[in-house]
Amino acid sequence: MNPLKQKLLNYLNHRVNSRNNAAHNNISFREARDFGVVFTWEGDAKYEQVRGLIKALEIYGKNIHLLCYKENKKDRLPPDIPVFMDRDVSVLGKVRSRILGEFLSKPFDFILHLDLRQNIMVQYILSRTHSKCRIGKTDMDFREFYEMMIQPAEENNFKDYCDQLIHYTKSIVTYA
């Protein structure tokens, strides 16, 4: 990614996130219907874990909307995965993709960020989403992008992260 674009998006992500008027309110897992799942493509092995997480949520009757960030233009992804790339966001943060625009316009109950490391393009999604609860891996430098963070027992174990994400998300309840 162009270094200028990266700096501008980083600034805009933090600014937009602080002004995001979405009602980031607690909703129980039981009441939640629509889940957005965002991840960065890192190969087939990771995608199999993502599919497992999606199947686990679908067992509970949840509607899953998937979006994958593709960093490398040369990567070949399954055709059924909705994808966005750097070119789908302008230097000034304007959406240039129908897929990305549709995803951002959905009022999700939960957004699940399925990456073990932060990514400026996924932060772009998190800062502009209209979800009630954004969940991702613990990173205190980016806590403003989440209502809930998960710390996997093993730092770089994606399967453990997905298992804990499901476990703790299912335990979310609403208190009066």
Protein backbone atom coordinates (compact mmCIF):
# COMPACT_ATOMS: atom_id res chain seq x y z
CA MET A 1 0.00 0.00 0.00
CA ASN A 2 1.12 3.51 -0.76
CA PRO A 3 2.71 5.00 2.43
CA LEU A 4 0.78 8.27 2.00
CA LYS A 5 -2.50 6.37 1.71
CA GLN A 6 -1.60 4.32 4.78
CA LYS A 7 -0.94 7.44 6.89
CA LEU A 8 -4.11 9.17 5.70
CA LEU A 9 -6.28 6.11 6.29
CA ASN A 10 -4.80 5.60 9.74
CA TYR A 11 -5.67 9.20 10.64
CA LEU A 12 -9.14 8.96 9.09
CA ASN A 13 -9.89 5.60 10.74
CA HIS A 14 -9.23 7.02 14.21
CA ARG A 15 -11.14 10.21 13.45
CA VAL A 16 -14.16 8.49 11.89
CA ASN A 17 -14.25 5.90 14.66
CA SER A 18 -14.42 8.61 17.33
CA ARG A 19 -17.36 10.21 15.50
CA ASN A 20 -19.18 7.00 14.63
CA ASN A 21 -22.76 7.47 15.83
CA ALA A 22 -23.67 3.79 15.63
CA ALA A 23 -25.27 2.52 18.78
CA HIS A 24 -22.47 0.30 20.05
CA ASN A 25 -24.77 -1.16 22.68
CA ASN A 26 -24.58 -4.53 24.28
CA ILE A 27 -26.89 -7.10 22.74
CA SER A 28 -27.08 -10.67 23.91
CA PHE A 29 -25.88 -13.51 21.73
CA ARG A 30 -29.33 -15.02 21.99
CA GLU A 31 -31.01 -11.88 20.58
CA ALA A 32 -28.39 -11.26 17.90
CA ARG A 33 -29.28 -12.28 14.35
CA ASP A 34 -26.81 -10.65 11.97
CA PHE A 35 -23.06 -11.21 12.21
CA GLY A 36 -20.42 -9.59 10.07
CA VAL A 37 -17.20 -11.59 9.79
CA VAL A 38 -14.10 -9.78 8.53
CA PHE A 39 -10.70 -11.33 7.97
CA THR A 40 -7.52 -10.96 5.96
CA TRP A 41 -6.73 -13.72 3.48
CA GLU A 42 -3.70 -15.70 4.64
CA GLY A 43 -4.32 -18.98 2.87
CA ASP A 44 -6.56 -22.02 2.76
CA ALA A 45 -5.72 -23.23 6.28
CA LYS A 46 -6.98 -19.99 7.85
CA TYR A 47 -10.04 -20.02 5.61
CA GLU A 48 -10.94 -23.53 6.82
CA GLN A 49 -10.87 -22.22 10.42
CA VAL A 50 -13.06 -19.26 9.38
CA ARG A 51 -15.53 -21.65 7.77
CA GLY A 52 -15.60 -23.70 10.97
CA LEU A 53 -16.43 -20.59 12.99
CA ILE A 54 -19.19 -19.67 10.52
CA LYS A 55 -20.71 -23.15 10.75
CA ALA A 56 -20.63 -22.93 14.56
CA LEU A 57 -22.59 -19.66 14.41
CA GLU A 58 -25.05 -20.95 11.83
CA ILE A 59 -25.96 -23.82 14.18
CA TYR A 60 -27.44 -21.10 16.43
CA GLY A 61 -29.46 -19.63 13.57
CA LYS A 62 -27.24 -16.61 12.95
CA ASN A 63 -27.06 -14.85 9.58
CA ILE A 64 -23.42 -14.54 8.57
CA HIS A 65 -22.08 -11.91 6.18
CA LEU A 66 -18.46 -12.54 5.23
CA LEU A 67 -15.92 -10.06 3.91
CA CYS A 68 -12.30 -10.85 3.16
CA TYR A 69 -9.46 -8.38 2.73
CA LYS A 70 -7.05 -9.52 0.03
CA GLU A 71 -3.62 -7.90 0.48
CA ASN A 72 -1.81 -9.67 -2.34
CA LYS A 73 -3.31 -9.29 -5.83
CA LYS A 74 -1.78 -12.63 -6.87
CA ASP A 75 -3.60 -14.68 -4.21
CA ARG A 76 -6.28 -16.96 -5.63
CA LEU A 77 -9.37 -17.18 -3.45
CA PRO A 78 -12.48 -19.35 -3.74
CA PRO A 79 -15.01 -17.48 -5.92
CA ASP A 80 -17.73 -17.52 -3.24
CA ILE A 81 -15.79 -15.21 -0.87
CA PRO A 82 -16.73 -11.50 -1.02
CA VAL A 83 -13.40 -9.67 -1.31
CA PHE A 84 -12.13 -6.14 -1.06
CA MET A 85 -8.65 -4.81 -1.78
CA ASP A 86 -6.63 -1.60 -1.33
CA ARG A 87 -7.99 -0.21 -4.60
CA ASP A 88 -11.55 -0.39 -3.21
CA VAL A 89 -10.83 2.51 -0.83
CA SER A 90 -9.52 5.84 -2.11
CA VAL A 91 -6.66 7.76 -0.51
CA LEU A 92 -9.28 9.91 1.23
CA GLY A 93 -11.24 6.92 2.49
CA LYS A 94 -14.07 6.85 -0.07
CA VAL A 95 -15.58 3.46 -0.91
CA ARG A 96 -15.03 2.40 -4.52
CA SER A 97 -16.54 -1.08 -4.35
CA ARG A 98 -20.15 -2.24 -4.37
CA ILE A 99 -19.28 -5.25 -2.17
CA LEU A 100 -17.57 -3.06 0.43
CA GLY A 101 -20.34 -0.45 0.31
CA GLU A 102 -23.05 -3.05 0.87
CA PHE A 103 -21.16 -4.60 3.78
CA LEU A 104 -20.67 -1.23 5.48
CA SER A 105 -24.34 -0.32 5.10
CA LYS A 106 -25.60 -3.37 7.01
CA PRO A 107 -26.64 -2.87 10.67
CA PHE A 108 -24.90 -5.89 12.21
CA ASP A 109 -25.48 -7.04 15.75
CA PHE A 110 -21.88 -8.25 15.95
CA ILE A 111 -18.77 -7.75 13.82
CA LEU A 112 -16.11 -10.41 14.37
CA HIS A 113 -12.58 -9.48 13.32
CA LEU A 114 -10.74 -12.74 12.63
CA ASP A 115 -7.12 -11.64 12.40
CA LEU A 116 -4.30 -12.10 14.88
CA ARG A 117 -2.63 -8.88 13.77
CA GLN A 118 -4.03 -5.45 13.08
CA ASN A 119 -4.60 -4.27 9.55
CA ILE A 120 -5.38 -0.72 8.47
CA MET A 121 -7.93 -1.84 5.89
CA VAL A 122 -9.86 -3.93 8.42
CA GLN A 123 -9.70 -0.98 10.83
CA TYR A 124 -11.33 0.98 8.00
CA ILE A 125 -14.26 -1.46 8.18
CA LEU A 126 -14.42 -1.43 11.99
CA SER A 127 -14.39 2.37 12.18
CA ARG A 128 -17.27 2.73 9.73
CA THR A 129 -19.50 -0.18 10.63
CA HIS A 130 -22.96 0.18 12.08
CA SER A 131 -22.69 -2.81 14.39
CA LYS A 132 -23.78 -2.97 18.00
CA CYS A 133 -20.68 -4.86 19.13
CA ARG A 134 -17.26 -5.20 17.50
CA ILE A 135 -15.11 -8.09 18.71
CA GLY A 136 -11.46 -8.76 17.94
CA LYS A 137 -8.11 -9.86 19.32
CA THR A 138 -6.72 -7.95 22.29
CA ASP A 139 -4.47 -5.09 21.21
CA MET A 140 -4.49 -2.14 23.60
CA ASP A 141 -3.22 0.22 20.90
CA PHE A 142 -6.46 -0.35 18.96
CA ARG A 143 -8.98 -0.83 21.78
CA GLU A 144 -11.10 2.04 20.45
CA PHE A 145 -12.17 -0.18 17.54
CA TYR A 146 -13.73 -2.86 19.76
CA GLU A 147 -16.38 -3.24 22.40
CA MET A 148 -14.92 -6.63 23.33
CA MET A 149 -11.44 -8.09 22.89
CA ILE A 150 -10.32 -11.71 23.15
CA GLN A 151 -6.83 -12.81 24.20
CA PRO A 152 -6.02 -16.30 22.91
CA ALA A 153 -4.18 -18.57 25.35
CA GLU A 154 -1.49 -19.10 22.72
CA GLU A 155 -0.49 -15.81 21.08
CA ASN A 156 -0.33 -16.99 17.45
CA ASN A 157 -2.78 -19.88 17.54
CA PHE A 158 -5.65 -18.98 15.21
CA LYS A 159 -7.72 -22.06 16.07
CA ASP A 160 -7.52 -21.21 19.77
CA TYR A 161 -8.53 -17.63 18.99
CA CYS A 162 -11.59 -18.79 17.00
CA ASP A 163 -12.60 -21.25 19.73
CA GLN A 164 -12.36 -18.54 22.41
CA LEU A 165 -14.17 -16.05 20.21
CA ILE A 166 -17.15 -18.40 19.89
CA HIS A 167 -17.05 -19.30 23.59
CA TYR A 168 -17.04 -15.71 24.86
CA THR A 169 -19.43 -14.38 22.22
CA LYS A 170 -21.99 -17.04 23.16
CA SER A 171 -21.74 -15.93 26.79
CA ILE A 172 -22.72 -12.30 26.10
CA VAL A 173 -25.98 -11.41 27.80
CA THR A 174 -27.87 -8.13 28.17
CA TYR A 175 -28.35 -6.74 31.65
CA ALA A 176 -31.16 -4.34 32.42
